[in-house]
C-alpha atoms as a PDB file:
ATOM      1  CA  UNK A   1     -30.600   4.102   0.272  1.00  0.00           C
ATOM      2  CA  UNK A   2     -26.767   6.562  -0.023  1.00  0.00           C
ATOM      3  CA  UNK A   3     -25.340   6.464   3.546  1.00  0.00           C
ATOM      4  CA  UNK A   4     -25.551   1.929   3.229  1.00  0.00           C
ATOM      5  CA  UNK A   5     -24.123   2.536  -0.471  1.00  0.00           C
ATOM      6  CA  UNK A   6     -20.962   5.115   1.269  1.00  0.00           C
ATOM      7  CA  UNK A   7     -20.914   2.713   4.176  1.00  0.00           C
ATOM      8  CA  UNK A   8     -19.812  -0.007   2.122  1.00  0.00           C
ATOM      9  CA  UNK A   9     -17.192   1.943   0.098  1.00  0.00           C
ATOM     10  CA  UNK A  10     -15.275   2.771   3.186  1.00  0.00           C
ATOM     11  CA  UNK A  11     -15.759  -0.497   4.207  1.00  0.00           C
ATOM     12  CA  UNK A  12     -14.281  -1.783   0.824  1.00  0.00           C
ATOM     13  CA  UNK A  13     -11.557   1.175   0.708  1.00  0.00           C
ATOM     14  CA  UNK A  14      -9.645  -0.100   3.944  1.00  0.00           C
ATOM     15  CA  UNK A  15     -10.138  -3.912   2.561  1.00  0.00           C
ATOM     16  CA  UNK A  16      -8.187  -2.467  -0.087  1.00  0.00           C
ATOM     17  CA  UNK A  17      -5.514  -1.443   2.027  1.00  0.00           C
ATOM     18  CA  UNK A  18      -5.382  -4.586   4.710  1.00  0.00           C
ATOM     19  CA  UNK A  19      -4.903  -6.921   1.527  1.00  0.00           C
ATOM     20  CA  UNK A  20      -1.802  -4.797   0.213  1.00  0.00           C
ATOM     21  CA  UNK A  21      -0.817  -4.584   3.685  1.00  0.00           C
ATOM     22  CA  UNK A  22      -1.161  -8.466   3.981  1.00  0.00           C
ATOM     23  CA  UNK A  23      -0.281  -9.541   0.437  1.00  0.00           C
ATOM     24  CA  UNK A  24       3.702  -7.614   0.834  1.00  0.00           C
ATOM     25  CA  UNK A  25       4.050  -9.288   4.471  1.00  0.00           C
ATOM     26  CA  UNK A  26       3.024 -12.704   3.107  1.00  0.00           C
ATOM     27  CA  UNK A  27       4.464 -12.506  -0.295  1.00  0.00           C
ATOM     28  CA  UNK A  28       0.992 -13.155  -2.097  1.00  0.00           C
ATOM     29  CA  UNK A  29       2.016 -11.266  -4.962  1.00  0.00           C
ATOM     30  CA  UNK A  30      -0.619 -12.332  -6.885  1.00  0.00           C
ATOM     31  CA  UNK A  31      -2.776 -10.840  -3.572  1.00  0.00           C
ATOM     32  CA  UNK A  32      -0.581  -7.662  -4.067  1.00  0.00           C
ATOM     33  CA  UNK A  33      -1.692  -7.317  -7.194  1.00  0.00           C
ATOM     34  CA  UNK A  34      -5.164  -7.695  -6.950  1.00  0.00           C
ATOM     35  CA  UNK A  35      -5.226  -4.061  -5.159  1.00  0.00           C
ATOM     36  CA  UNK A  36      -4.116  -1.672  -8.392  1.00  0.00           C
ATOM     37  CA  UNK A  37      -5.622  -0.614 -11.126  1.00  0.00           C
ATOM     38  CA  UNK A  38      -3.085  -1.644 -14.443  1.00  0.00           C
ATOM     39  CA  UNK A  39      -2.158   1.604 -15.337  1.00  0.00           C
ATOM     40  CA  UNK A  40      -1.242   2.600 -11.807  1.00  0.00           C
ATOM     41  CA  UNK A  41       1.314   5.228 -11.219  1.00  0.00           C
ATOM     42  CA  UNK A  42       3.811   5.216  -7.945  1.00  0.00           C
ATOM     43  CA  UNK A  43       5.931   7.755  -6.887  1.00  0.00           C
ATOM     44  CA  UNK A  44       7.036   8.133  -2.986  1.00  0.00           C
ATOM     45  CA  UNK A  45       9.137   5.110  -2.876  1.00  0.00           C
ATOM     46  CA  UNK A  46      13.106   6.652  -4.464  1.00  0.00           C
ATOM     47  CA  UNK A  47      13.441   8.926  -7.722  1.00  0.00           C
ATOM     48  CA  UNK A  48      11.547   6.708 -10.042  1.00  0.00           C
ATOM     49  CA  UNK A  49       8.015   7.216 -10.602  1.00  0.00           C
ATOM     50  CA  UNK A  50       6.651   3.886 -11.734  1.00  0.00           C
ATOM     51  CA  UNK A  51       3.971   3.211 -14.508  1.00  0.00           C
ATOM     52  CA  UNK A  52       1.771   0.431 -14.388  1.00  0.00           C
ATOM     53  CA  UNK A  53       0.268  -2.303 -12.325  1.00  0.00           C
ATOM     54  CA  UNK A  54       3.204  -5.210 -13.660  1.00  0.00           C
ATOM     55  CA  UNK A  55       6.765  -2.489 -13.338  1.00  0.00           C
ATOM     56  CA  UNK A  56       5.155  -1.799 -10.111  1.00  0.00           C
ATOM     57  CA  UNK A  57       4.901  -5.691  -8.642  1.00  0.00           C
ATOM     58  CA  UNK A  58       8.041  -6.436 -10.570  1.00  0.00           C
ATOM     59  CA  UNK A  59      10.276  -3.703  -8.740  1.00  0.00           C
ATOM     60  CA  UNK A  60       8.752  -4.450  -5.107  1.00  0.00           C
ATOM     61  CA  UNK A  61       9.209  -8.229  -5.811  1.00  0.00           C
ATOM     62  CA  UNK A  62      12.676  -7.462  -6.018  1.00  0.00           C
ATOM     63  CA  UNK A  63      13.764  -4.901  -3.349  1.00  0.00           C
ATOM     64  CA  UNK A  64      11.423  -7.316  -0.729  1.00  0.00           C
ATOM     65  CA  UNK A  65      14.634  -9.585  -1.020  1.00  0.00           C
ATOM     66  CA  UNK A  66      16.339  -7.151   1.335  1.00  0.00           C
ATOM     67  CA  UNK A  67      13.895  -8.988   4.455  1.00  0.00           C
ATOM     68  CA  UNK A  68      13.084 -11.510   6.296  1.00  0.00           C
ATOM     69  CA  UNK A  69       9.722 -10.425   7.891  1.00  0.00           C
ATOM     70  CA  UNK A  70       7.770  -7.299   6.728  1.00  0.00           C
ATOM     71  CA  UNK A  71       4.544  -5.824   8.613  1.00  0.00           C
ATOM     72  CA  UNK A  72       2.679  -2.905   7.840  1.00  0.00           C
ATOM     73  CA  UNK A  73       0.284  -1.631  10.649  1.00  0.00           C
ATOM     74  CA  UNK A  74      -2.093   0.690   9.303  1.00  0.00           C
ATOM     75  CA  UNK A  75      -3.991   3.664  10.779  1.00  0.00           C
ATOM     76  CA  UNK A  76      -7.139   4.277  10.648  1.00  0.00           C
ATOM     77  CA  UNK A  77      -8.053   5.747   7.234  1.00  0.00           C
ATOM     78  CA  UNK A  78      -9.481   9.234   6.204  1.00  0.00           C
ATOM     79  CA  UNK A  79     -11.042   8.747   3.089  1.00  0.00           C
ATOM     80  CA  UNK A  80     -13.237  10.867   0.619  1.00  0.00           C
ATOM     81  CA  UNK A  81     -15.537   9.134  -2.091  1.00  0.00           C
ATOM     82  CA  UNK A  82     -17.120  11.208  -5.247  1.00  0.00           C
ATOM     83  CA  UNK A  83     -19.372   8.436  -6.898  1.00  0.00           C
ATOM     84  CA  UNK A  84     -16.906   5.591  -8.725  1.00  0.00           C
ATOM     85  CA  UNK A  85     -13.460   7.499  -7.188  1.00  0.00           C
ATOM     86  CA  UNK A  86     -11.887   7.925  -3.954  1.00  0.00           C
ATOM     87  CA  UNK A  87      -8.840  10.081  -1.746  1.00  0.00           C
ATOM     88  CA  UNK A  88      -7.229   7.387   0.600  1.00  0.00           C
ATOM     89  CA  UNK A  89      -5.159   9.307   3.745  1.00  0.00           C
ATOM     90  CA  UNK A  90      -3.809   6.363   5.139  1.00  0.00           C
ATOM     91  CA  UNK A  91      -1.363   6.254   7.901  1.00  0.00           C
ATOM     92  CA  UNK A  92       1.312   3.250   7.993  1.00  0.00           C
ATOM     93  CA  UNK A  93       4.443   2.188  10.272  1.00  0.00           C
ATOM     94  CA  UNK A  94       6.184  -0.613   8.554  1.00  0.00           C
ATOM     95  CA  UNK A  95       8.801  -2.869   9.768  1.00  0.00           C
ATOM     96  CA  UNK A  96      11.660  -5.082   7.709  1.00  0.00           C
ATOM     97  CA  UNK A  97      13.906  -7.361   9.258  1.00  0.00           C
ATOM     98  CA  UNK A  98      18.011  -7.189   6.898  1.00  0.00           C
ATOM     99  CA  UNK A  99      17.992 -10.217   6.429  1.00  0.00           C
ATOM    100  CA  UNK A 100      22.054  -9.151   5.632  1.00  0.00           C
ATOM    101  CA  UNK A 101      21.525  -8.391   9.124  1.00  0.00           C
ATOM    102  CA  UNK A 102      18.485 -10.379  11.437  1.00  0.00           C
ATOM    103  CA  UNK A 103      18.905  -8.807  14.057  1.00  0.00           C
ATOM    104  CA  UNK A 104      18.534  -5.124  12.672  1.00  0.00           C
ATOM    105  CA  UNK A 105      15.220  -3.683  11.599  1.00  0.00           C
ATOM    106  CA  UNK A 106      14.124  -0.955   8.869  1.00  0.00           C
ATOM    107  CA  UNK A 107      11.451   0.786  11.249  1.00  0.00           C
ATOM    108  CA  UNK A 108       9.419   3.059   8.077  1.00  0.00           C
ATOM    109  CA  UNK A 109       6.791   5.929   8.601  1.00  0.00           C
ATOM    110  CA  UNK A 110       4.880   6.955   6.350  1.00  0.00           C
ATOM    111  CA  UNK A 111       1.400   8.279   4.885  1.00  0.00           C
ATOM    112  CA  UNK A 112      -0.600   6.832   1.939  1.00  0.00           C
ATOM    113  CA  UNK A 113      -2.240   8.796  -0.056  1.00  0.00           C
ATOM    114  CA  UNK A 114      -4.025   6.574  -2.526  1.00  0.00           C
ATOM    115  CA  UNK A 115      -5.963   7.907  -4.956  1.00  0.00           C
ATOM    116  CA  UNK A 116      -8.974   4.582  -5.618  1.00  0.00           C
ATOM    117  CA  UNK A 117     -10.965   3.604  -8.981  1.00  0.00           C
ATOM    118  CA  UNK A 118     -14.677   1.776  -8.798  1.00  0.00           C
ATOM    119  CA  UNK A 119     -12.749  -0.574 -12.126  1.00  0.00           C
ATOM    120  CA  UNK A 120     -15.461  -3.631 -12.413  1.00  0.00           C
ATOM    121  CA  UNK A 121     -17.336  -3.046  -9.475  1.00  0.00           C
ATOM    122  CA  UNK A 122     -14.790  -3.150  -7.570  1.00  0.00           C
ATOM    123  CA  UNK A 123     -11.997  -0.301  -5.811  1.00  0.00           C
ATOM    124  CA  UNK A 124      -8.288  -0.644  -7.655  1.00  0.00           C
ATOM    125  CA  UNK A 125      -5.231   1.811  -6.167  1.00  0.00           C
ATOM    126  CA  UNK A 126      -5.112   4.023  -9.339  1.00  0.00           C
ATOM    127  CA  UNK A 127      -2.502   5.893  -7.982  1.00  0.00           C
ATOM    128  CA  UNK A 128      -0.258   5.352  -4.423  1.00  0.00           C
ATOM    129  CA  UNK A 129       2.170   7.949  -2.683  1.00  0.00           C
ATOM    130  CA  UNK A 130       3.752   7.812  -0.064  1.00  0.00           C
ATOM    131  CA  UNK A 131       4.668  10.232   1.747  1.00  0.00           C
ATOM    132  CA  UNK A 132       7.874   9.707   3.723  1.00  0.00           C
ATOM    133  CA  UNK A 133       7.928  10.969   7.305  1.00  0.00           C
ATOM    134  CA  UNK A 134      11.277   9.166   9.014  1.00  0.00           C
ATOM    135  CA  UNK A 135      13.628   6.194   9.305  1.00  0.00           C
ATOM    136  CA  UNK A 136      15.356   4.348  11.482  1.00  0.00           C
ATOM    137  CA  UNK A 137      17.442   1.168  11.433  1.00  0.00           C
ATOM    138  CA  UNK A 138      17.953  -0.431  15.580  1.00  0.00           C
ATOM    139  CA  UNK A 139      19.381  -3.321  16.616  1.00  0.00           C
ATOM    140  CA  UNK A 140      17.237  -5.837  18.374  1.00  0.00           C
END
């Protein structure tokens, strides 16, 4: 039975990050917000540390106004599960079309280091850390 729970947890953890990407790319901020714990801590997205789901989602909603379409492509996830907590490492390549210069694309290469906890039977992001590897702006 433990193996079945482990597999179910691994799939659920991957789904959290897939909903994260879908929510931000489709600008479905309710879906995006749903993956975070109410008291989430977010670091690595600039100098500021964000505390709380509402603060973080508000920041992202505003930041996205600079971009047209985006696409967050996630690599395979490495996860460790310990009861109702988990740590996940997910590589990401994110494309951001600039609204002011639609023929230019900002590409981000990074790793998400994400701590999750099971809340009310669902996995939620409790701490999210962006470890940027590089960025490039290039014309299409």
